[in-house]
Protein backbone atom coordinates (compact mmCIF):
# COMPACT_ATOMS: atom_id res chain seq x y z
CA UNK A 1 63.63 127.33 111.77
CA UNK A 2 65.12 127.45 108.34
CA UNK A 3 67.65 129.46 106.84
CA UNK A 4 66.86 132.60 104.63
CA UNK A 5 68.01 132.34 101.12
CA UNK A 6 67.65 133.78 97.63
CA UNK A 7 67.27 131.96 94.64
CA UNK A 8 67.85 133.54 91.35
CA UNK A 9 64.80 133.85 88.92
CA UNK A 10 64.39 133.99 85.55
CA UNK A 11 62.35 136.41 83.16
CA UNK A 12 59.45 134.29 82.89
CA UNK A 13 59.07 133.87 86.78
CA UNK A 14 58.59 137.38 87.21
CA UNK A 15 55.24 139.20 87.64
CA UNK A 16 54.12 141.33 84.70
CA UNK A 17 54.31 144.28 87.32
CA UNK A 18 58.01 143.62 87.78
CA UNK A 19 58.76 143.05 84.10
CA UNK A 20 57.10 146.57 83.69
CA UNK A 21 59.46 148.15 86.36
CA UNK A 22 62.48 146.37 84.21
CA UNK A 23 61.24 147.83 80.84
CA UNK A 24 60.96 151.36 82.58
CA UNK A 25 64.51 151.01 83.88
CA UNK A 26 65.91 149.79 80.68
CA UNK A 27 64.23 152.84 78.86
CA UNK A 28 65.71 155.44 80.80
CA UNK A 29 69.07 153.68 81.11
CA UNK A 30 69.95 154.26 77.51
CA UNK A 31 73.39 153.65 76.48
CA UNK A 32 74.60 154.17 80.19
CA UNK A 33 75.64 151.58 82.68
CA UNK A 34 72.41 152.72 84.69
CA UNK A 35 70.25 155.73 84.93
CA UNK A 36 70.81 158.80 87.37
CA UNK A 37 68.34 158.56 90.36
CA UNK A 38 66.76 161.90 89.02
CA UNK A 39 66.12 160.28 85.84
CA UNK A 40 64.23 157.33 87.49
CA UNK A 41 60.64 158.35 88.48
CA UNK A 42 59.30 155.88 91.03
CA UNK A 43 55.72 156.91 90.48
CA UNK A 44 56.02 155.50 86.89
CA UNK A 45 56.27 152.00 88.27
CA UNK A 46 53.08 150.05 88.82
CA UNK A 47 51.27 151.55 91.80
CA UNK A 48 50.61 148.14 93.36
CA UNK A 49 54.42 147.88 93.90
CA UNK A 50 55.21 151.43 95.21
CA UNK A 51 54.60 150.24 98.87
CA UNK A 52 57.05 147.58 98.60
CA UNK A 53 59.65 149.64 96.63
CA UNK A 54 62.94 150.86 98.20
CA UNK A 55 65.71 153.11 96.99
CA UNK A 56 69.27 152.74 98.47
CA UNK A 57 72.20 155.17 98.31
CA UNK A 58 75.51 153.37 97.77
CA UNK A 59 78.81 154.50 99.36
CA UNK A 60 82.06 152.67 99.30
CA UNK A 61 82.57 149.95 102.03
CA UNK A 62 86.00 151.35 102.97
CA UNK A 63 87.75 148.06 102.41
CA UNK A 64 85.10 145.81 103.68
CA UNK A 65 84.65 144.13 100.51
CA UNK A 66 81.22 145.42 99.90
CA UNK A 67 79.28 148.61 99.85
CA UNK A 68 77.26 150.43 102.48
CA UNK A 69 73.64 150.73 101.73
CA UNK A 70 71.55 153.17 103.23
CA UNK A 71 67.59 153.31 102.70
CA UNK A 72 66.73 156.58 100.76
CA UNK A 73 63.19 155.57 100.37
CA UNK A 74 61.50 152.62 102.41
CA UNK A 75 58.03 151.87 100.87
CA UNK A 76 54.98 151.93 103.48
CA UNK A 77 54.32 148.42 102.82
CA UNK A 78 57.68 147.33 103.89
CA UNK A 79 57.60 149.68 106.95
CA UNK A 80 54.57 147.69 108.11
CA UNK A 81 55.98 144.31 107.18
CA UNK A 82 59.13 144.90 109.24
CA UNK A 83 57.37 146.83 111.90
CA UNK A 84 59.62 149.90 111.66
CA UNK A 85 60.57 152.83 109.55
CA UNK A 86 64.08 152.40 107.97
CA UNK A 87 64.66 155.35 105.77
CA UNK A 88 68.01 156.81 106.69
CA UNK A 89 69.17 153.46 108.20
CA UNK A 90 71.38 150.76 106.82
CA UNK A 91 70.38 147.39 105.12
CA UNK A 92 72.10 145.43 107.86
CA UNK A 93 69.81 147.32 110.38
CA UNK A 94 66.91 145.29 109.25
CA UNK A 95 65.05 143.71 112.12
CA UNK A 96 64.82 140.22 110.75
CA UNK A 97 67.81 138.00 111.32
CA UNK A 98 69.81 137.32 108.30
CA UNK A 99 67.62 139.22 105.94
CA UNK A 100 69.98 142.46 106.06
CA UNK A 101 73.17 140.33 105.43
CA UNK A 102 71.23 138.17 102.48
CA UNK A 103 70.35 141.66 101.02
CA UNK A 104 73.99 143.07 101.51
CA UNK A 105 74.99 140.22 99.39
CA UNK A 106 72.43 140.80 96.76
CA UNK A 107 73.05 144.43 96.60
CA UNK A 108 76.92 143.86 96.38
CA UNK A 109 76.53 141.58 93.19
CA UNK A 110 74.49 144.56 91.65
CA UNK A 111 77.14 146.99 92.28
CA UNK A 112 80.01 144.71 91.16
CA UNK A 113 78.02 143.72 88.02
CA UNK A 114 76.70 146.91 87.22
CA UNK A 115 73.47 145.39 86.13
CA UNK A 116 70.03 144.33 87.41
CA UNK A 117 69.13 141.11 89.39
CA UNK A 118 66.09 139.13 89.82
CA UNK A 119 65.45 136.62 92.83
CA UNK A 120 63.08 135.08 95.06
CA UNK A 121 63.77 135.37 98.67
CA UNK A 122 62.49 132.78 101.12
CA UNK A 123 63.26 130.24 103.93
CA UNK A 124 64.69 126.86 103.34
CA UNK A 125 64.28 124.15 105.91
CA UNK A 126 63.70 120.29 106.00
CA UNK A 127 60.80 120.73 103.98
CA UNK A 128 62.06 122.68 101.15
CA UNK A 129 62.07 126.35 100.05
CA UNK A 130 59.22 128.68 101.03
CA UNK A 131 59.06 131.55 98.99
CA UNK A 132 58.43 134.97 100.56
CA UNK A 133 59.03 137.59 97.74
CA UNK A 134 60.14 138.04 94.35
CA UNK A 135 61.93 141.15 93.57
CA UNK A 136 64.37 142.99 91.15
CA UNK A 137 67.11 145.39 91.91
CA UNK A 138 68.25 147.76 89.32
CA UNK A 139 71.52 149.99 89.62
CA UNK A 140 71.40 153.67 89.66
CA UNK A 141 74.60 155.82 88.75
CA UNK A 142 75.04 159.78 89.01
CA UNK A 143 77.88 159.63 86.40
CA UNK A 144 76.65 156.87 84.26
CA UNK A 145 79.30 154.23 85.32
CA UNK A 146 79.68 154.20 89.11
CA UNK A 147 76.79 152.69 90.88
CA UNK A 148 75.49 155.05 93.26
CA UNK A 149 71.96 153.72 94.03
CA UNK A 150 69.98 150.72 93.69
CA UNK A 151 66.14 150.68 93.06
CA UNK A 152 64.57 147.58 94.39
CA UNK A 153 61.04 146.33 94.17
CA UNK A 154 59.49 143.63 95.91
CA UNK A 155 56.56 141.65 94.79
CA UNK A 156 55.15 140.28 98.41
CA UNK A 157 53.91 136.73 98.41
CA UNK A 158 53.29 136.55 102.22
CA UNK A 159 51.67 138.67 104.87
CA UNK A 160 53.39 140.28 107.83
CA UNK A 161 51.91 137.59 110.14
CA UNK A 162 52.92 135.02 107.88
CA UNK A 163 56.30 136.16 107.92
CA UNK A 164 56.38 136.12 111.88
CA UNK A 165 55.23 132.51 111.56
CA UNK A 166 57.93 131.53 109.03
CA UNK A 167 60.87 133.60 109.84
CA UNK A 168 60.19 134.18 113.63
CA UNK A 169 60.08 137.11 115.63
CA UNK A 170 62.05 140.27 115.12
CA UNK A 171 65.55 140.10 116.57
CA UNK A 172 64.35 143.37 118.54
CA UNK A 173 60.65 142.46 119.40
CA UNK A 174 61.17 143.47 122.87
CA UNK A 175 61.91 146.97 121.75
CA UNK A 176 58.31 147.31 120.55
CA UNK A 177 56.13 148.74 123.49
CA UNK A 178 52.97 147.32 121.81
CA UNK A 179 54.40 143.89 121.44
CA UNK A 180 53.26 143.64 117.94
CA UNK A 181 55.21 142.45 114.71
């Protein structure tokens, strides 16, 4: 099995729907570093992407060198893909080995830069890179400067069953009484 990695992607590699989310975010940001969560209406994003959208609350990592990211909203499609509800949980609690740590790094970068980030996340092995999803991450700010939240919208390119084949079973698969992924 390969390693989960993220590769940066450029504007022309985004889907039209991800570009639409970005344009909306820019429109509500104005001259601030980022819009308030109350200014960002998730329902105005393309409806096809809502099941794979997340909203995170960002808190200080208390000297850990990074933030703590708790899911405020975890889309229904992601709940299905990961086999569990993650609202109220930490990013590092995601059930797929390595994904939480990878996303922690991506979210830390958004907080540090105070700007958006686009990436394709996938598996890299001896055969090369296998893309799973393209996504964007956009900061939110209660005061217009300090990053207090992140919206991330994911354009899934792989089904849940395919994810199991590429990534492997969830770390906690034995906790599922039905044995399903």
